[in-house]
Amino acid sequence: MAAAAGFVDCHCHMTAEEFLQDTEEILERSRKGGVQALVSVTENTGEFERLIQLSERYPKYLMPCFGVHPIQRKRDGYHSVTMKDLEPALSQFDKYRDHLVAIGEVGLDFTPWLTPTSADREEQLKVLQMQLDIAKRLGLPVNVHSRSAGRQTIAFLREQGAEKVLLHNFAGRPSAALEGVQAGYFFSFPPAVAKNNQREKLIRQIPLENICLETDSPALGPNAQERNIPSNIHIPCEYIARVKGLSPETVGQATTHNALRLFEKIRHKLDQ
């Protein structure tokens, strides 16, 4: 089922609380499931050190990204990101620049009950802009979240001159996605897309050369009640193949090739 070189999971959360007890077992299952590399993102600065430690334990396999997510979890629930959330991260990007394969998870989330005011949205744009500037300075791609803000996110990325972009779990309109395709952006899809046909039109219209695979583990698995794991990467591969009338092997090979084009440092690490 996997391509000869294996799958690349372009977006997962291996520092999530759900994996604290059995990280090693999950990573071993991923290897056996045909995953040759995992791109692990963060949502806040508190995850950075653990991610670096994990990547040092699993070199050439677990590839770290640092980013501050547009929605932050606090004890009293969730709130839209502020510059105060980003400030503790700023020195860490440079400290670990040689380890990082991308900046992420960054982006925009305009879900109304999470980002109720225009001031919230403006602050998100500032936080994203600063992280895009860091990515440019470090020569790294960005791993991007765009919930309820697909068109706005792509327009802002283009306005900022972002070139190496992965739009993870993209759920915007095909017309917005095609603007991203025109800019050379990539789109990745998790196992949850196979649960219904809501993304079928979108996936059909995005060229295969702009598609990557992800799991977004531990979220967005085939069953909402169950923890998602990276070895489920074959599920979106098979779904995309079915939608496009291709073999899973063709989609596996193409998406791995795309991932290694986008994340150049992964290719270099795997070649070492």
Protein backbone atom coordinates (compact mmCIF):
# COMPACT_ATOMS: atom_id res chain seq x y z
CA MET A 1 0.00 0.00 0.00
CA ALA A 2 2.79 2.45 0.85
CA ALA A 3 5.05 3.90 -1.75
CA ALA A 4 8.42 2.24 -2.00
CA ALA A 5 9.98 5.01 0.06
CA GLY A 6 7.07 5.11 2.50
CA PHE A 7 4.54 7.74 3.47
CA VAL A 8 5.31 11.16 4.95
CA ASP A 9 2.79 12.28 7.59
CA CYS A 10 3.01 16.02 6.95
CA HIS A 11 1.10 17.16 10.03
CA CYS A 12 0.71 15.42 13.39
CA HIS A 13 1.02 16.28 17.09
CA MET A 14 3.35 13.79 18.74
CA THR A 15 3.73 16.00 21.84
CA ALA A 16 -0.02 15.92 22.51
CA GLU A 17 -1.13 14.71 25.94
CA GLU A 18 -2.84 11.74 24.28
CA PHE A 19 0.55 10.30 23.32
CA LEU A 20 2.47 10.86 26.56
CA GLN A 21 2.05 7.30 27.83
CA ASP A 22 2.91 5.29 24.70
CA THR A 23 4.87 7.48 22.29
CA GLU A 24 7.42 4.77 21.50
CA GLU A 25 4.77 2.17 20.72
CA ILE A 26 2.88 4.59 18.46
CA LEU A 27 6.03 5.49 16.54
CA GLU A 28 6.90 1.82 16.09
CA ARG A 29 3.41 1.15 14.74
CA SER A 30 3.90 4.06 12.36
CA ARG A 31 7.09 2.56 10.98
CA LYS A 32 5.38 -0.78 10.49
CA GLY A 33 2.48 1.04 8.83
CA GLY A 34 4.79 2.35 6.12
CA VAL A 35 5.45 5.87 7.46
CA GLN A 36 9.03 6.91 6.70
CA ALA A 37 8.85 10.34 8.36
CA LEU A 38 6.54 12.30 10.67
CA VAL A 39 6.29 16.09 10.62
CA SER A 40 5.30 16.95 14.19
CA VAL A 41 3.93 20.44 14.89
CA THR A 42 3.31 22.37 18.10
CA GLU A 43 0.48 24.63 19.23
CA ASN A 44 2.28 26.53 22.01
CA THR A 45 5.73 27.18 23.44
CA GLY A 46 5.20 24.65 26.22
CA GLU A 47 5.62 21.82 23.71
CA PHE A 48 8.93 22.97 22.20
CA GLU A 49 11.43 21.27 24.53
CA ARG A 50 9.63 17.93 24.54
CA LEU A 51 9.45 17.95 20.74
CA ILE A 52 13.19 18.56 20.46
CA GLN A 53 13.88 15.74 22.92
CA LEU A 54 11.65 13.39 20.92
CA SER A 55 13.30 14.36 17.64
CA GLU A 56 16.72 13.64 19.14
CA ARG A 57 15.51 10.21 20.23
CA TYR A 58 14.11 9.52 16.76
CA PRO A 59 16.45 11.30 14.34
CA LYS A 60 15.69 10.86 10.64
CA TYR A 61 12.13 9.93 11.60
CA LEU A 62 10.40 12.54 13.77
CA MET A 63 10.81 15.96 12.16
CA PRO A 64 10.09 18.97 14.42
CA CYS A 65 8.17 22.17 13.63
CA PHE A 66 7.74 25.04 16.07
CA GLY A 67 4.66 27.23 15.88
CA VAL A 68 2.08 29.08 17.96
CA HIS A 69 -1.46 28.14 16.95
CA PRO A 70 -4.14 30.81 16.34
CA ILE A 71 -6.30 29.31 19.11
CA GLN A 72 -4.69 28.79 22.52
CA ARG A 73 -5.94 26.41 25.20
CA LYS A 74 -6.00 27.74 28.75
CA ARG A 75 -7.37 26.43 32.04
CA ASP A 76 -10.59 28.34 31.51
CA GLY A 77 -11.05 27.13 27.93
CA TYR A 78 -9.85 28.52 24.60
CA HIS A 79 -8.94 31.99 23.43
CA SER A 80 -7.72 33.64 20.27
CA VAL A 81 -3.93 33.97 20.19
CA THR A 82 -2.24 37.20 21.25
CA MET A 83 1.27 38.57 20.87
CA LYS A 84 1.84 37.67 24.54
CA ASP A 85 1.39 34.00 23.58
CA LEU A 86 4.02 34.35 20.87
CA GLU A 87 6.66 36.30 22.81
CA PRO A 88 8.10 33.33 24.81
CA ALA A 89 8.58 31.44 21.53
CA LEU A 90 10.63 34.05 19.71
CA SER A 91 14.04 33.15 21.11
CA GLN A 92 13.34 29.42 20.65
CA PHE A 93 13.00 29.60 16.88
CA ASP A 94 16.61 30.73 16.56
CA LYS A 95 17.93 28.50 19.33
CA TYR A 96 16.67 25.37 17.54
CA ARG A 97 16.80 26.60 13.95
CA ASP A 98 19.06 23.71 12.86
CA HIS A 99 16.56 21.15 14.15
CA LEU A 100 13.42 22.59 12.58
CA VAL A 101 12.02 21.44 9.24
CA ALA A 102 9.17 24.01 9.19
CA ILE A 103 7.34 26.65 11.18
CA GLY A 104 3.95 25.41 12.37
CA GLU A 105 1.24 25.03 13.34
CA VAL A 106 0.47 28.63 12.49
CA GLY A 107 -2.45 30.26 10.74
CA LEU A 108 -5.87 31.82 11.11
CA ASP A 109 -8.99 30.54 12.87
CA PHE A 110 -12.03 32.74 12.46
CA THR A 111 -14.51 30.33 14.09
CA PRO A 112 -17.08 32.88 15.36
CA TRP A 113 -17.32 31.75 18.98
CA LEU A 114 -13.54 31.50 19.30
CA THR A 115 -12.69 34.75 17.51
CA PRO A 116 -15.70 36.98 18.12
CA THR A 117 -14.21 40.42 17.48
CA SER A 118 -12.30 42.16 14.70
CA ALA A 119 -9.59 42.92 17.27
CA ASP A 120 -9.11 39.16 17.78
CA ARG A 121 -8.75 38.63 14.05
CA GLU A 122 -6.29 41.51 13.71
CA GLU A 123 -4.16 40.06 16.51
CA GLN A 124 -4.16 36.65 14.80
CA LEU A 125 -2.94 38.30 11.61
CA LYS A 126 -0.08 39.98 13.51
CA VAL A 127 0.97 36.70 15.15
CA LEU A 128 0.84 34.91 11.79
CA GLN A 129 2.77 37.67 10.03
CA MET A 130 5.55 37.52 12.60
CA GLN A 131 5.86 33.75 12.23
CA LEU A 132 5.84 34.02 8.44
CA ASP A 133 8.72 36.50 8.74
CA ILE A 134 10.61 34.00 10.94
CA ALA A 135 10.02 31.24 8.39
CA LYS A 136 11.36 33.44 5.59
CA ARG A 137 14.42 34.40 7.61
CA LEU A 138 15.18 30.77 8.46
CA GLY A 139 14.38 29.54 4.95
CA LEU A 140 11.66 27.18 6.19
CA PRO A 141 8.20 26.23 4.91
CA VAL A 142 5.07 26.94 6.95
CA ASN A 143 2.54 24.37 8.18
CA VAL A 144 -0.75 26.28 8.16
CA HIS A 145 -4.15 26.06 9.89
CA SER A 146 -7.06 27.83 8.17
CA ARG A 147 -10.37 27.01 9.88
CA SER A 148 -13.28 29.22 8.83
CA ALA A 149 -10.69 31.37 7.06
CA GLY A 150 -9.58 29.47 3.97
CA ARG A 151 -9.79 32.31 1.47
CA GLN A 152 -8.47 34.90 3.93
CA THR A 153 -5.51 32.69 4.86
CA ILE A 154 -4.47 32.07 1.26
CA ALA A 155 -4.87 35.75 0.37
CA PHE A 156 -2.75 36.78 3.36
CA LEU A 157 -0.04 34.20 2.61
CA ARG A 158 0.18 35.46 -0.96
CA GLU A 159 0.19 39.09 0.18
CA GLN A 160 3.08 38.29 2.54
CA GLY A 161 5.04 36.56 -0.22
CA ALA A 162 4.96 33.12 1.41
CA GLU A 163 6.22 30.55 -1.09
CA LYS A 164 6.68 27.23 0.72
CA VAL A 165 3.29 26.48 2.23
CA LEU A 166 1.30 23.46 3.41
CA LEU A 167 -2.38 24.15 4.07
CA HIS A 168 -3.29 21.33 6.42
CA ASN A 169 -6.80 19.86 6.54
CA PHE A 170 -7.99 22.53 4.14
CA ALA A 171 -11.79 22.81 4.06
CA GLY A 172 -12.30 26.01 2.09
CA ARG A 173 -13.90 26.43 -1.32
CA PRO A 174 -12.25 24.89 -4.39
CA SER A 175 -11.96 28.38 -5.93
CA ALA A 176 -9.87 29.52 -2.92
CA ALA A 177 -7.76 26.35 -3.06
CA LEU A 178 -7.02 26.94 -6.73
CA GLU A 179 -5.64 30.37 -5.86
CA GLY A 180 -3.26 28.52 -3.53
CA VAL A 181 -2.40 26.03 -6.27
CA GLN A 182 -1.56 28.97 -8.54
CA ALA A 183 0.84 30.19 -5.83
CA GLY A 184 2.48 26.75 -5.65
CA TYR A 185 1.00 25.80 -2.27
CA PHE A 186 0.37 22.24 -1.07
CA PHE A 187 -2.76 20.85 0.61
CA SER A 188 -2.88 17.88 2.98
CA PHE A 189 -5.82 15.78 4.12
CA PRO A 190 -6.32 13.59 7.22
CA PRO A 191 -8.17 10.27 7.68
CA ALA A 192 -11.40 12.07 8.68
CA VAL A 193 -11.99 13.11 5.04
CA ALA A 194 -12.94 9.52 4.25
CA LYS A 195 -15.94 9.61 6.63
CA ASN A 196 -18.12 11.50 4.15
CA ASN A 197 -17.86 13.10 0.74
CA GLN A 198 -17.73 16.75 1.82
CA ARG A 199 -14.19 17.24 0.43
CA GLU A 200 -14.67 15.17 -2.73
CA LYS A 201 -15.13 18.16 -5.05
CA LEU A 202 -12.20 19.97 -3.45
CA ILE A 203 -9.85 16.99 -3.73
CA ARG A 204 -10.92 16.32 -7.31
CA GLN A 205 -10.00 19.85 -8.34
CA ILE A 206 -6.62 20.13 -6.58
CA PRO A 207 -3.92 18.63 -8.81
CA LEU A 208 -2.16 15.58 -7.38
CA GLU A 209 1.17 17.43 -7.60
CA ASN A 210 -0.17 19.82 -4.93
CA ILE A 211 -1.47 17.18 -2.49
CA CYS A 212 0.23 15.72 0.59
CA LEU A 213 -0.96 13.32 3.29
CA GLU A 214 -1.40 13.96 7.00
CA THR A 215 -3.11 12.42 10.00
CA ASP A 216 -3.35 15.41 12.39
CA SER A 217 -2.97 12.73 15.10
CA PRO A 218 -4.39 12.47 17.71
CA ALA A 219 -7.37 14.31 16.12
CA LEU A 220 -9.28 13.84 12.84
CA GLY A 221 -9.11 10.06 12.69
CA PRO A 222 -11.53 7.69 10.96
CA ASN A 223 -13.67 7.52 14.13
CA ALA A 224 -14.30 10.71 16.09
CA GLN A 225 -14.41 8.86 19.42
CA GLU A 226 -11.02 7.16 18.96
CA ARG A 227 -7.50 8.53 19.18
CA ASN A 228 -6.02 8.95 15.72
CA ILE A 229 -2.49 7.63 15.07
CA PRO A 230 0.02 8.17 12.24
CA SER A 231 -0.30 4.60 10.94
CA ASN A 232 -3.78 5.64 9.70
CA ILE A 233 -2.04 7.59 6.93
CA HIS A 234 -3.13 4.96 4.40
CA ILE A 235 -6.79 6.05 4.86
CA PRO A 236 -6.54 9.48 3.17
CA CYS A 237 -4.22 7.94 0.58
CA GLU A 238 -6.87 5.38 -0.39
CA TYR A 239 -9.66 7.97 -0.32
CA ILE A 240 -7.78 10.44 -2.55
CA ALA A 241 -6.97 7.57 -4.92
CA ARG A 242 -10.66 6.63 -5.14
CA VAL A 243 -11.77 10.23 -5.76
CA LYS A 244 -9.17 10.75 -8.47
CA GLY A 245 -9.52 7.31 -10.08
CA LEU A 246 -5.89 6.42 -9.38
CA SER A 247 -4.16 3.57 -7.60
CA PRO A 248 -3.21 4.06 -3.92
CA GLU A 249 0.38 3.30 -4.94
CA THR A 250 0.36 6.23 -7.39
CA VAL A 251 -1.05 8.60 -4.76
CA GLY A 252 1.39 7.33 -2.12
CA GLN A 253 4.39 7.89 -4.37
CA ALA A 254 3.21 11.30 -5.57
CA THR A 255 2.37 12.64 -2.10
CA THR A 256 5.71 11.48 -0.70
CA HIS A 257 7.49 13.16 -3.61
CA ASN A 258 5.50 16.35 -2.94
CA ALA A 259 6.30 16.27 0.78
CA LEU A 260 10.02 15.94 0.11
CA ARG A 261 9.87 18.83 -2.37
CA LEU A 262 8.17 21.04 0.21
CA PHE A 263 10.14 19.98 3.30
CA GLU A 264 13.62 20.07 1.82
CA LYS A 265 15.31 19.45 5.18
CA ILE A 266 13.49 16.13 5.51
CA ARG A 267 14.89 15.01 2.20
CA HIS A 268 18.39 15.97 3.31
CA LYS A 269 17.96 14.18 6.66
CA LEU A 270 16.70 11.01 5.00
CA ASP A 271 19.60 11.08 2.52
CA GLN A 272 22.25 11.37 5.25
